[in-house]
Amino acid sequence: MPALREVEHYLTGLWLLIKGDPSGLTYLDLSERGSLRSFWAILWCLPSIILSWVWWRMGFLKSMAPAVDNAGLFYLRLGMVELANWIVPLVLVGVITLLFGIGKKFNTIVVATNWLAVPVSYAYAALIVISILLPQLAGIVSLLWLALMMALIFTLSRLMRMICGQQPLLIGTITLTLLIPALILSDMLEQFLGVYPG
C-alpha cells in the first residue's frame, strides 16, 4: 500500500495537471504496475467510505422496521455498489479509448481518476459530517454538494484535457462516462439490493 508521502506526491502531480502544467504527469506512476497500484486509493478512501455507509444506513433505518435490519448484509451490499462504481466507469472508459484509438492513454486516466478519488471522497465526507452534526444547515449542505459536483466535473475535464490533448468531444465523453454511469448504477443497484432508503 502506498505510504502517505507517495500519495501526496501523486496528488501534487494531479494539482499541477489541473493548473495546466504537464510536468504533473512526471509525478504519477503511469506504468501498468502504477495503474494497478492506483487502486490502493480505495483503501485510502475507506474511512470516508465507511462514514458515508453509516450515514446511508442511518437514513435507511428511518424508513424501515429495525426488526428486519441486518447490518452485516447491508454493508456487504453497499460494498458491492461501491466496487461497481469504481470498476464499471473505468471499463467503459477503456472501451472509449479503444474506439478513439488512444488506448495507450488508458493507464494514465486510471491512475489520475483513482488518486483524484481520495480528496473528493474526503470532501464528501466533510459534508456528511456537517449534515449529521448540523441538520439545520441541510439547505447549505445541498448547495455545497452541488458545488462539489461542479468542481469535480471541472477538475476531470481539466485532467482529461492534459491527458488526451485538445479534443473537446473526447474530453466531454470521458468526463461524463466517469460520472453519469456511476450515478445511474448506484441508484439501480441500491434499489435492486434493497439498500435504498424509501
N, C-alpha and C. Protein backbone atom coordinates (compact mmCIF):
# COMPACT_ATOMS: atom_id res chain seq x y z
N MET A 1 0.85 -1.20 0.00
CA MET A 1 0.00 0.00 0.00
C MET A 1 0.89 1.25 0.00
N PRO A 2 0.64 2.20 -0.90
CA PRO A 2 1.46 3.41 -0.95
C PRO A 2 1.40 4.19 0.36
N ALA A 3 2.56 4.69 0.79
CA ALA A 3 2.62 5.48 2.01
C ALA A 3 2.07 6.87 1.76
N LEU A 4 1.84 7.61 2.86
CA LEU A 4 1.27 8.95 2.76
C LEU A 4 2.13 9.86 1.88
N ARG A 5 3.44 9.78 2.01
CA ARG A 5 4.32 10.64 1.22
C ARG A 5 4.14 10.37 -0.27
N GLU A 6 3.97 9.10 -0.63
CA GLU A 6 3.77 8.74 -2.04
C GLU A 6 2.43 9.27 -2.55
N VAL A 7 1.40 9.15 -1.73
CA VAL A 7 0.08 9.65 -2.12
C VAL A 7 0.13 11.17 -2.29
N GLU A 8 0.81 11.85 -1.39
CA GLU A 8 0.97 13.30 -1.51
C GLU A 8 1.69 13.66 -2.81
N HIS A 9 2.66 12.84 -3.19
CA HIS A 9 3.39 13.05 -4.44
C HIS A 9 2.44 12.95 -5.63
N TYR A 10 1.57 11.94 -5.62
CA TYR A 10 0.60 11.78 -6.70
C TYR A 10 -0.39 12.94 -6.74
N LEU A 11 -0.84 13.37 -5.57
CA LEU A 11 -1.80 14.46 -5.52
C LEU A 11 -1.18 15.78 -5.98
N THR A 12 0.11 15.94 -5.71
CA THR A 12 0.82 17.12 -6.22
C THR A 12 0.81 17.10 -7.74
N GLY A 13 1.05 15.93 -8.32
CA GLY A 13 1.01 15.79 -9.77
C GLY A 13 -0.35 16.14 -10.34
N LEU A 14 -1.40 15.67 -9.68
CA LEU A 14 -2.75 15.99 -10.14
C LEU A 14 -3.01 17.49 -10.07
N TRP A 15 -2.57 18.12 -8.99
CA TRP A 15 -2.77 19.55 -8.84
C TRP A 15 -2.07 20.34 -9.95
N LEU A 16 -0.86 19.91 -10.30
CA LEU A 16 -0.14 20.56 -11.39
C LEU A 16 -0.88 20.40 -12.71
N LEU A 17 -1.42 19.21 -12.94
CA LEU A 17 -2.18 18.97 -14.18
C LEU A 17 -3.44 19.83 -14.22
N ILE A 18 -4.12 19.93 -13.09
CA ILE A 18 -5.34 20.74 -13.03
C ILE A 18 -5.01 22.20 -13.35
N LYS A 19 -3.82 22.65 -12.93
CA LYS A 19 -3.39 24.01 -13.20
C LYS A 19 -2.87 24.19 -14.63
N GLY A 20 -2.81 23.07 -15.39
CA GLY A 20 -2.35 23.16 -16.77
C GLY A 20 -0.87 22.93 -16.96
N ASP A 21 -0.20 22.40 -15.94
CA ASP A 21 1.23 22.15 -16.01
C ASP A 21 1.47 20.68 -16.37
N PRO A 22 1.96 20.39 -17.58
CA PRO A 22 2.16 18.99 -17.99
C PRO A 22 3.21 18.24 -17.19
N SER A 23 4.04 18.98 -16.44
CA SER A 23 5.05 18.30 -15.62
C SER A 23 4.40 17.45 -14.53
N GLY A 24 3.10 17.70 -14.27
CA GLY A 24 2.39 16.89 -13.29
C GLY A 24 2.38 15.41 -13.64
N LEU A 25 2.47 15.11 -14.93
CA LEU A 25 2.47 13.70 -15.35
C LEU A 25 3.69 12.96 -14.81
N THR A 26 4.80 13.69 -14.61
CA THR A 26 6.02 13.04 -14.13
C THR A 26 5.90 12.62 -12.66
N TYR A 27 4.90 13.13 -11.96
CA TYR A 27 4.68 12.78 -10.56
C TYR A 27 3.89 11.48 -10.42
N LEU A 28 3.29 11.03 -11.50
CA LEU A 28 2.43 9.86 -11.46
C LEU A 28 3.15 8.64 -12.01
N ASP A 29 2.84 7.48 -11.44
CA ASP A 29 3.36 6.21 -11.96
C ASP A 29 2.38 5.74 -13.02
N LEU A 30 2.74 5.93 -14.29
CA LEU A 30 1.82 5.66 -15.39
C LEU A 30 2.04 4.29 -16.03
N SER A 31 2.86 3.46 -15.40
CA SER A 31 3.08 2.10 -15.90
C SER A 31 1.87 1.23 -15.60
N GLU A 32 1.85 0.02 -16.14
CA GLU A 32 0.75 -0.90 -15.82
C GLU A 32 0.74 -1.21 -14.33
N ARG A 33 1.93 -1.35 -13.76
CA ARG A 33 2.02 -1.58 -12.31
C ARG A 33 1.45 -0.39 -11.55
N GLY A 34 1.78 0.82 -12.00
CA GLY A 34 1.25 2.01 -11.36
C GLY A 34 -0.25 2.10 -11.48
N SER A 35 -0.77 1.66 -12.62
CA SER A 35 -2.22 1.65 -12.82
C SER A 35 -2.89 0.72 -11.83
N LEU A 36 -2.32 -0.47 -11.65
CA LEU A 36 -2.88 -1.41 -10.68
C LEU A 36 -2.73 -0.90 -9.25
N ARG A 37 -1.57 -0.30 -8.95
CA ARG A 37 -1.33 0.21 -7.59
C ARG A 37 -2.25 1.37 -7.26
N SER A 38 -2.74 2.06 -8.28
CA SER A 38 -3.62 3.20 -8.01
C SER A 38 -4.94 2.77 -7.37
N PHE A 39 -5.27 1.49 -7.47
CA PHE A 39 -6.49 1.01 -6.83
C PHE A 39 -6.34 0.92 -5.31
N TRP A 40 -5.10 1.11 -4.81
CA TRP A 40 -4.94 1.26 -3.36
C TRP A 40 -5.67 2.51 -2.87
N ALA A 41 -6.01 3.39 -3.80
CA ALA A 41 -6.78 4.58 -3.44
C ALA A 41 -8.07 4.20 -2.74
N ILE A 42 -8.60 3.02 -3.06
CA ILE A 42 -9.83 2.56 -2.41
C ILE A 42 -9.62 2.46 -0.90
N LEU A 43 -8.47 1.89 -0.49
CA LEU A 43 -8.20 1.77 0.95
C LEU A 43 -7.93 3.13 1.57
N TRP A 44 -7.30 4.03 0.81
CA TRP A 44 -7.09 5.37 1.34
C TRP A 44 -8.41 6.11 1.54
N CYS A 45 -9.40 5.75 0.73
CA CYS A 45 -10.73 6.36 0.85
C CYS A 45 -11.60 5.65 1.88
N LEU A 46 -11.15 4.51 2.39
CA LEU A 46 -12.01 3.66 3.21
C LEU A 46 -12.63 4.37 4.42
N PRO A 47 -11.89 5.18 5.18
CA PRO A 47 -12.54 5.86 6.32
C PRO A 47 -13.73 6.73 5.88
N SER A 48 -13.56 7.46 4.79
CA SER A 48 -14.67 8.31 4.33
C SER A 48 -15.79 7.47 3.74
N ILE A 49 -15.43 6.35 3.11
CA ILE A 49 -16.45 5.45 2.57
C ILE A 49 -17.30 4.87 3.69
N ILE A 50 -16.62 4.41 4.75
CA ILE A 50 -17.34 3.82 5.89
C ILE A 50 -18.27 4.86 6.52
N LEU A 51 -17.78 6.09 6.64
CA LEU A 51 -18.62 7.15 7.18
C LEU A 51 -19.87 7.34 6.33
N SER A 52 -19.69 7.33 5.01
CA SER A 52 -20.85 7.50 4.12
C SER A 52 -21.80 6.32 4.25
N TRP A 53 -21.29 5.12 4.47
CA TRP A 53 -22.15 3.95 4.65
C TRP A 53 -22.97 4.06 5.93
N VAL A 54 -22.31 4.50 7.00
CA VAL A 54 -23.02 4.66 8.28
C VAL A 54 -24.12 5.71 8.13
N TRP A 55 -23.81 6.80 7.47
CA TRP A 55 -24.80 7.86 7.23
C TRP A 55 -25.95 7.34 6.37
N TRP A 56 -25.62 6.55 5.35
CA TRP A 56 -26.65 5.97 4.47
C TRP A 56 -27.54 5.02 5.25
N ARG A 57 -26.93 4.24 6.15
CA ARG A 57 -27.71 3.30 6.94
C ARG A 57 -28.62 4.03 7.92
N MET A 58 -28.16 5.15 8.45
CA MET A 58 -28.99 5.94 9.35
C MET A 58 -30.27 6.38 8.63
N GLY A 59 -30.11 6.83 7.37
CA GLY A 59 -31.28 7.21 6.59
C GLY A 59 -32.15 6.02 6.26
N PHE A 60 -31.50 4.88 6.01
CA PHE A 60 -32.23 3.66 5.67
C PHE A 60 -33.08 3.18 6.84
N LEU A 61 -32.51 3.23 8.05
CA LEU A 61 -33.23 2.73 9.22
C LEU A 61 -34.45 3.57 9.56
N LYS A 62 -34.43 4.84 9.15
CA LYS A 62 -35.58 5.69 9.41
C LYS A 62 -36.81 5.26 8.61
N SER A 63 -36.58 4.49 7.54
CA SER A 63 -37.69 4.13 6.66
C SER A 63 -38.07 2.66 6.76
N MET A 64 -37.54 1.95 7.77
CA MET A 64 -37.86 0.53 7.89
C MET A 64 -37.93 0.13 9.35
N ALA A 65 -38.54 -1.04 9.59
CA ALA A 65 -38.62 -1.56 10.96
C ALA A 65 -37.27 -2.13 11.37
N PRO A 66 -36.74 -1.76 12.54
CA PRO A 66 -35.45 -2.28 12.99
C PRO A 66 -35.38 -3.80 13.02
N ALA A 67 -36.51 -4.44 13.21
CA ALA A 67 -36.52 -5.90 13.33
C ALA A 67 -36.04 -6.58 12.05
N VAL A 68 -36.18 -5.92 10.90
CA VAL A 68 -35.77 -6.56 9.66
C VAL A 68 -34.40 -6.08 9.21
N ASP A 69 -33.70 -5.35 10.09
CA ASP A 69 -32.38 -4.83 9.75
C ASP A 69 -31.32 -5.91 9.92
N ASN A 70 -30.40 -6.00 8.96
CA ASN A 70 -29.25 -6.88 9.04
C ASN A 70 -28.04 -6.05 8.64
N ALA A 71 -27.34 -5.53 9.65
CA ALA A 71 -26.26 -4.57 9.38
C ALA A 71 -25.16 -5.18 8.51
N GLY A 72 -24.76 -6.42 8.81
CA GLY A 72 -23.68 -7.05 8.04
C GLY A 72 -24.02 -7.17 6.56
N LEU A 73 -25.22 -7.65 6.29
CA LEU A 73 -25.66 -7.81 4.90
C LEU A 73 -25.80 -6.45 4.22
N PHE A 74 -26.28 -5.47 4.99
CA PHE A 74 -26.46 -4.12 4.45
C PHE A 74 -25.12 -3.55 3.97
N TYR A 75 -24.10 -3.65 4.82
CA TYR A 75 -22.78 -3.10 4.47
C TYR A 75 -22.12 -3.90 3.35
N LEU A 76 -22.36 -5.20 3.33
CA LEU A 76 -21.84 -6.02 2.23
C LEU A 76 -22.41 -5.56 0.90
N ARG A 77 -23.70 -5.29 0.89
CA ARG A 77 -24.34 -4.83 -0.35
C ARG A 77 -23.84 -3.44 -0.76
N LEU A 78 -23.65 -2.57 0.23
CA LEU A 78 -23.08 -1.26 -0.10
C LEU A 78 -21.67 -1.40 -0.65
N GLY A 79 -20.92 -2.38 -0.13
CA GLY A 79 -19.58 -2.63 -0.65
C GLY A 79 -19.62 -3.06 -2.11
N MET A 80 -20.62 -3.85 -2.46
CA MET A 80 -20.79 -4.28 -3.85
C MET A 80 -21.08 -3.08 -4.76
N VAL A 81 -21.93 -2.17 -4.25
CA VAL A 81 -22.25 -0.96 -5.01
C VAL A 81 -21.00 -0.11 -5.19
N GLU A 82 -20.23 0.04 -4.12
CA GLU A 82 -19.01 0.85 -4.16
C GLU A 82 -18.01 0.28 -5.17
N LEU A 83 -17.82 -1.02 -5.12
CA LEU A 83 -16.88 -1.67 -6.04
C LEU A 83 -17.31 -1.49 -7.49
N ALA A 84 -18.60 -1.64 -7.75
CA ALA A 84 -19.12 -1.44 -9.10
C ALA A 84 -18.88 -0.02 -9.57
N ASN A 85 -19.01 0.94 -8.65
CA ASN A 85 -18.81 2.35 -9.01
C ASN A 85 -17.36 2.66 -9.33
N TRP A 86 -16.43 1.90 -8.77
CA TRP A 86 -15.02 2.09 -9.09
C TRP A 86 -14.67 1.45 -10.42
N ILE A 87 -15.23 0.26 -10.68
CA ILE A 87 -14.78 -0.54 -11.82
C ILE A 87 -15.52 -0.23 -13.12
N VAL A 88 -16.84 -0.18 -13.08
CA VAL A 88 -17.63 -0.08 -14.31
C VAL A 88 -17.30 1.17 -15.13
N PRO A 89 -17.23 2.37 -14.52
CA PRO A 89 -16.89 3.54 -15.34
C PRO A 89 -15.53 3.42 -16.02
N LEU A 90 -14.56 2.82 -15.34
CA LEU A 90 -13.23 2.66 -15.93
C LEU A 90 -13.26 1.66 -17.09
N VAL A 91 -14.07 0.62 -16.96
CA VAL A 91 -14.22 -0.34 -18.06
C VAL A 91 -14.81 0.38 -19.28
N LEU A 92 -15.82 1.19 -19.06
CA LEU A 92 -16.44 1.94 -20.15
C LEU A 92 -15.45 2.92 -20.78
N VAL A 93 -14.64 3.57 -19.94
CA VAL A 93 -13.62 4.48 -20.46
C VAL A 93 -12.60 3.71 -21.28
N GLY A 94 -12.26 2.49 -20.84
CA GLY A 94 -11.34 1.66 -21.61
C GLY A 94 -11.88 1.38 -23.01
N VAL A 95 -13.17 1.10 -23.10
CA VAL A 95 -13.79 0.87 -24.42
C VAL A 95 -13.72 2.14 -25.26
N ILE A 96 -13.98 3.29 -24.64
CA ILE A 96 -13.94 4.56 -25.37
C ILE A 96 -12.54 4.85 -25.89
N THR A 97 -11.52 4.62 -25.07
CA THR A 97 -10.15 4.88 -25.52
C THR A 97 -9.77 3.98 -26.69
N LEU A 98 -10.27 2.77 -26.70
CA LEU A 98 -10.01 1.88 -27.83
C LEU A 98 -10.72 2.38 -29.09
N LEU A 99 -11.98 2.82 -28.93
CA LEU A 99 -12.74 3.32 -30.07
C LEU A 99 -12.11 4.57 -30.67
N PHE A 100 -11.54 5.42 -29.81
CA PHE A 100 -10.92 6.65 -30.27
C PHE A 100 -9.45 6.45 -30.66
N GLY A 101 -8.95 5.23 -30.50
CA GLY A 101 -7.57 4.95 -30.88
C GLY A 101 -6.53 5.53 -29.94
N ILE A 102 -6.89 5.70 -28.68
CA ILE A 102 -5.92 6.24 -27.71
C ILE A 102 -5.79 5.29 -26.51
N GLY A 103 -5.77 4.00 -26.80
CA GLY A 103 -5.67 3.01 -25.74
C GLY A 103 -4.47 3.20 -24.85
N LYS A 104 -3.39 3.78 -25.41
CA LYS A 104 -2.17 3.99 -24.62
C LYS A 104 -2.38 5.02 -23.50
N LYS A 105 -3.44 5.80 -23.58
CA LYS A 105 -3.74 6.79 -22.54
C LYS A 105 -4.54 6.20 -21.38
N PHE A 106 -4.99 4.97 -21.55
CA PHE A 106 -5.91 4.39 -20.56
C PHE A 106 -5.28 4.31 -19.17
N ASN A 107 -4.03 3.83 -19.08
CA ASN A 107 -3.38 3.73 -17.77
C ASN A 107 -3.31 5.09 -17.08
N THR A 108 -3.01 6.12 -17.86
CA THR A 108 -2.91 7.47 -17.29
C THR A 108 -4.25 7.92 -16.73
N ILE A 109 -5.33 7.63 -17.46
CA ILE A 109 -6.67 8.01 -17.00
C ILE A 109 -7.02 7.27 -15.71
N VAL A 110 -6.70 5.98 -15.67
CA VAL A 110 -6.98 5.17 -14.47
C VAL A 110 -6.23 5.73 -13.27
N VAL A 111 -4.94 5.98 -13.44
CA VAL A 111 -4.13 6.49 -12.33
C VAL A 111 -4.66 7.84 -11.84
N ALA A 112 -4.94 8.74 -12.78
CA ALA A 112 -5.40 10.09 -12.40
C ALA A 112 -6.74 10.05 -11.69
N THR A 113 -7.69 9.31 -12.23
CA THR A 113 -9.03 9.30 -11.63
C THR A 113 -9.06 8.55 -10.30
N ASN A 114 -8.29 7.48 -10.18
CA ASN A 114 -8.26 6.75 -8.92
C ASN A 114 -7.70 7.62 -7.79
N TRP A 115 -6.58 8.30 -8.04
CA TRP A 115 -5.99 9.12 -6.97
C TRP A 115 -6.80 10.38 -6.73
N LEU A 116 -7.48 10.88 -7.76
CA LEU A 116 -8.36 12.03 -7.55
C LEU A 116 -9.50 11.69 -6.59
N ALA A 117 -9.89 10.42 -6.58
CA ALA A 117 -11.00 9.99 -5.72
C ALA A 117 -10.70 10.22 -4.24
N VAL A 118 -9.41 10.26 -3.87
CA VAL A 118 -9.07 10.41 -2.45
C VAL A 118 -9.51 11.77 -1.89
N PRO A 119 -9.05 12.89 -2.45
CA PRO A 119 -9.53 14.17 -1.89
C PRO A 119 -11.03 14.38 -2.08
N VAL A 120 -11.57 13.90 -3.20
CA VAL A 120 -13.01 14.06 -3.44
C VAL A 120 -13.82 13.30 -2.40
N SER A 121 -13.37 12.10 -2.07
CA SER A 121 -14.06 11.27 -1.09
C SER A 121 -14.10 11.96 0.28
N TYR A 122 -12.99 12.56 0.68
CA TYR A 122 -12.96 13.22 1.98
C TYR A 122 -13.72 14.53 1.97
N ALA A 123 -13.81 15.18 0.83
CA ALA A 123 -14.63 16.39 0.73
C ALA A 123 -16.10 16.03 0.94
N TYR A 124 -16.54 14.94 0.31
CA TYR A 124 -17.92 14.48 0.52
C TYR A 124 -18.14 14.06 1.98
N ALA A 125 -17.14 13.42 2.57
CA ALA A 125 -17.25 13.00 3.97
C ALA A 125 -17.42 14.22 4.88
N ALA A 126 -16.71 15.31 4.57
CA ALA A 126 -16.84 16.53 5.38
C ALA A 126 -18.27 17.06 5.32
N LEU A 127 -18.89 16.99 4.14
CA LEU A 127 -20.28 17.44 4.02
C LEU A 127 -21.23 16.53 4.80
N ILE A 128 -20.93 15.23 4.82
CA ILE A 128 -21.76 14.30 5.60
C ILE A 128 -21.67 14.63 7.09
N VAL A 129 -20.46 14.90 7.56
CA VAL A 129 -20.27 15.25 8.98
C VAL A 129 -21.07 16.51 9.32
N ILE A 130 -21.01 17.51 8.44
CA ILE A 130 -21.78 18.74 8.68
C ILE A 130 -23.27 18.45 8.72
N SER A 131 -23.74 17.61 7.80
CA SER A 131 -25.18 17.31 7.75
C SER A 131 -25.64 16.53 8.98
N ILE A 132 -24.74 15.71 9.55
CA ILE A 132 -25.09 14.94 10.76
C ILE A 132 -25.07 15.84 11.99
N LEU A 133 -24.03 16.65 12.12
CA LEU A 133 -23.87 17.49 13.32
C LEU A 133 -24.76 18.73 13.30
N LEU A 134 -25.02 19.24 12.09
CA LEU A 134 -25.81 20.47 11.97
C LEU A 134 -26.93 20.26 10.96
N PRO A 135 -27.93 19.44 11.30
CA PRO A 135 -29.01 19.15 10.35
C PRO A 135 -29.79 20.37 9.91
N GLN A 136 -29.71 21.44 10.70
CA GLN A 136 -30.43 22.66 10.33
C GLN A 136 -29.78 23.36 9.13
N LEU A 137 -28.58 22.92 8.76
CA LEU A 137 -27.90 23.51 7.61
C LEU A 137 -28.08 22.66 6.35
N ALA A 138 -29.14 21.88 6.30
CA ALA A 138 -29.37 20.96 5.18
C ALA A 138 -29.36 21.69 3.83
N GLY A 139 -29.97 22.87 3.79
CA GLY A 139 -30.02 23.62 2.53
C GLY A 139 -28.64 24.04 2.07
N ILE A 140 -27.83 24.52 3.01
CA ILE A 140 -26.47 24.94 2.67
C ILE A 140 -25.63 23.75 2.23
N VAL A 141 -25.80 22.63 2.94
CA VAL A 141 -25.05 21.42 2.58
C VAL A 141 -25.41 20.96 1.17
N SER A 142 -26.69 21.07 0.81
CA SER A 142 -27.11 20.71 -0.55
C SER A 142 -26.42 21.58 -1.59
N LEU A 143 -26.31 22.87 -1.30
CA LEU A 143 -25.62 23.77 -2.22
C LEU A 143 -24.14 23.44 -2.32
N LEU A 144 -23.54 23.10 -1.18
CA LEU A 144 -22.12 22.72 -1.18
C LEU A 144 -21.92 21.42 -1.95
N TRP A 145 -22.89 20.51 -1.82
CA TRP A 145 -22.83 19.24 -2.55
C TRP A 145 -22.84 19.51 -4.06
N LEU A 146 -23.72 20.41 -4.48
CA LEU A 146 -23.80 20.77 -5.89
C LEU A 146 -22.51 21.44 -6.35
N ALA A 147 -21.97 22.32 -5.51
CA ALA A 147 -20.71 22.99 -5.85
C ALA A 147 -19.57 22.00 -5.99
N LEU A 148 -19.55 21.00 -5.11
CA LEU A 148 -18.50 19.98 -5.18
C LEU A 148 -18.64 19.15 -6.46
N MET A 149 -19.87 18.84 -6.85
CA MET A 149 -20.09 18.10 -8.09
C MET A 149 -19.62 18.91 -9.29
N MET A 150 -19.92 20.20 -9.31
CA MET A 150 -19.48 21.07 -10.40
C MET A 150 -17.95 21.15 -10.43
N ALA A 151 -17.34 21.24 -9.24
CA ALA A 151 -15.88 21.29 -9.16
C ALA A 151 -15.27 19.99 -9.68
N LEU A 152 -15.92 18.86 -9.39
CA LEU A 152 -15.43 17.57 -9.85
C LEU A 152 -15.49 17.48 -11.38
N ILE A 153 -16.60 17.96 -11.96
CA ILE A 153 -16.72 17.96 -13.42
C ILE A 153 -15.62 18.81 -14.04
N PHE A 154 -15.41 20.00 -13.48
CA PHE A 154 -14.36 20.89 -13.98
C PHE A 154 -12.98 20.24 -13.86
N THR A 155 -12.72 19.64 -12.70
CA THR A 155 -11.42 19.03 -12.46
C THR A 155 -11.16 17.87 -13.41
N LEU A 156 -12.15 17.01 -13.58
CA LEU A 156 -12.00 15.88 -14.50
C LEU A 156 -11.76 16.35 -15.93
N SER A 157 -12.49 17.38 -16.36
CA SER A 157 -12.31 17.88 -17.72
C SER A 157 -10.92 18.47 -17.90
N ARG A 158 -10.40 19.14 -16.88
CA ARG A 158 -9.03 19.68 -16.95
C ARG A 158 -8.00 18.56 -17.05
N LEU A 159 -8.19 17.53 -16.22
CA LEU A 159 -7.27 16.40 -16.26
C LEU A 159 -7.31 15.70 -17.61
N MET A 160 -8.51 15.48 -18.13
CA MET A 160 -8.64 14.79 -19.41
C MET A 160 -8.04 15.62 -20.55
N ARG A 161 -8.11 16.93 -20.44
CA ARG A 161 -7.51 17.78 -21.47
C ARG A 161 -5.99 17.65 -21.45
N MET A 162 -5.42 17.57 -20.25
CA MET A 162 -3.97 17.41 -20.14
C MET A 162 -3.52 16.03 -20.59
N ILE A 163 -4.37 15.04 -20.39
CA ILE A 163 -4.01 13.66 -20.75
C ILE A 163 -4.27 13.39 -22.22
N CYS A 164 -5.41 13.85 -22.73
CA CYS A 164 -5.84 13.48 -24.09
C CYS A 164 -5.59 14.57 -25.13
N GLY A 165 -5.22 15.76 -24.69
CA GLY A 165 -5.00 16.84 -25.65
C GLY A 165 -6.28 17.61 -25.92
N GLN A 166 -6.19 18.52 -26.87
CA GLN A 166 -7.31 19.41 -27.19
C GLN A 166 -8.34 18.70 -28.08
N GLN A 167 -9.12 17.83 -27.47
CA GLN A 167 -10.16 17.09 -28.17
C GLN A 167 -11.46 17.21 -27.37
N PRO A 168 -12.20 18.29 -27.57
CA PRO A 168 -13.39 18.55 -26.73
C PRO A 168 -14.39 17.40 -26.69
N LEU A 169 -14.65 16.76 -27.82
CA LEU A 169 -15.60 15.66 -27.84
C LEU A 169 -15.13 14.51 -26.97
N LEU A 170 -13.86 14.16 -27.11
CA LEU A 170 -13.30 13.07 -26.32
C LEU A 170 -13.28 13.42 -24.84
N ILE A 171 -12.86 14.63 -24.53
CA ILE A 171 -12.80 15.08 -23.14
C ILE A 171 -14.20 15.02 -22.50
N GLY A 172 -15.20 15.55 -23.21
CA GLY A 172 -16.56 15.53 -22.68
C GLY A 172 -17.08 14.12 -22.51
N THR A 173 -16.80 13.26 -23.49
CA THR A 173 -17.28 11.88 -23.44
C THR A 173 -16.69 11.13 -22.25
N ILE A 174 -15.38 11.26 -22.06
CA ILE A 174 -14.73 10.55 -20.95
C ILE A 174 -15.19 11.11 -19.61
N THR A 175 -15.27 12.43 -19.50
CA THR A 175 -15.70 13.05 -18.25
C THR A 175 -17.10 12.57 -17.85
N LEU A 176 -18.02 12.60 -18.79
CA LEU A 176 -19.39 12.16 -18.49
C LEU A 176 -19.44 10.66 -18.20
N THR A 177 -18.60 9.88 -18.89
CA THR A 177 -18.57 8.43 -18.66
C THR A 177 -18.06 8.11 -17.27
N LEU A 178 -17.17 8.92 -16.75
CA LEU A 178 -16.66 8.70 -15.40
C LEU A 178 -17.67 9.06 -14.32
N LEU A 179 -18.67 9.87 -14.68
CA LEU A 179 -19.63 10.36 -13.68
C LEU A 179 -21.03 9.77 -13.82
N ILE A 180 -21.61 9.88 -15.00
CA ILE A 180 -23.02 9.52 -15.18
C ILE A 180 -23.31 8.04 -14.92
N PRO A 181 -22.55 7.10 -15.51
CA PRO A 181 -22.85 5.69 -15.25
C PRO A 181 -22.80 5.33 -13.77
N ALA A 182 -21.87 5.95 -13.04
CA ALA A 182 -21.77 5.65 -11.60
C ALA A 182 -23.02 6.10 -10.86
N LEU A 183 -23.56 7.26 -11.23
CA LEU A 183 -24.78 7.75 -10.59
C LEU A 183 -25.96 6.84 -10.89
N ILE A 184 -26.09 6.46 -12.16
CA ILE A 184 -27.20 5.59 -12.57
C ILE A 184 -27.05 4.21 -11.93
N LEU A 185 -25.81 3.69 -11.96
CA LEU A 185 -25.55 2.36 -11.42
C LEU A 185 -25.82 2.32 -9.93
N SER A 186 -25.40 3.36 -9.21
CA SER A 186 -25.65 3.40 -7.76
C SER A 186 -27.13 3.30 -7.46
N ASP A 187 -27.91 4.12 -8.15
CA ASP A 187 -29.35 4.14 -7.91
C ASP A 187 -29.98 2.78 -8.21
N MET A 188 -29.60 2.19 -9.34
CA MET A 188 -30.18 0.90 -9.74
C MET A 188 -29.79 -0.20 -8.77
N LEU A 189 -28.50 -0.27 -8.43
CA LEU A 189 -28.02 -1.34 -7.56
C LEU A 189 -28.57 -1.20 -6.14
N GLU A 190 -28.64 0.04 -5.65
CA GLU A 190 -29.16 0.25 -4.30
C GLU A 190 -30.62 -0.20 -4.20
N GLN A 191 -31.40 0.08 -5.23
CA GLN A 191 -32.78 -0.37 -5.22
C GLN A 191 -32.88 -1.87 -5.40
N PHE A 192 -32.06 -2.43 -6.31
CA PHE A 192 -32.09 -3.87 -6.56
C PHE A 192 -31.65 -4.67 -5.33
N LEU A 193 -30.64 -4.15 -4.63
CA LEU A 193 -30.09 -4.87 -3.47
C LEU A 193 -30.83 -4.55 -2.18
N GLY A 194 -31.81 -3.64 -2.27
CA GLY A 194 -32.62 -3.34 -1.09
C GLY A 194 -31.94 -2.49 -0.05
N VAL A 195 -31.04 -1.59 -0.49
CA VAL A 195 -30.37 -0.72 0.47
C VAL A 195 -30.66 0.75 0.17
N TYR A 196 -31.75 0.98 -0.53
CA TYR A 196 -32.14 2.36 -0.89
C TYR A 196 -33.20 2.85 0.08
N PRO A 197 -32.94 3.95 0.81
CA PRO A 197 -33.96 4.46 1.73
C PRO A 197 -35.23 4.84 0.97
N GLY A 198 -36.34 4.40 1.44
CA GLY A 198 -37.57 4.74 0.74
C GLY A 198 -38.80 4.35 1.52
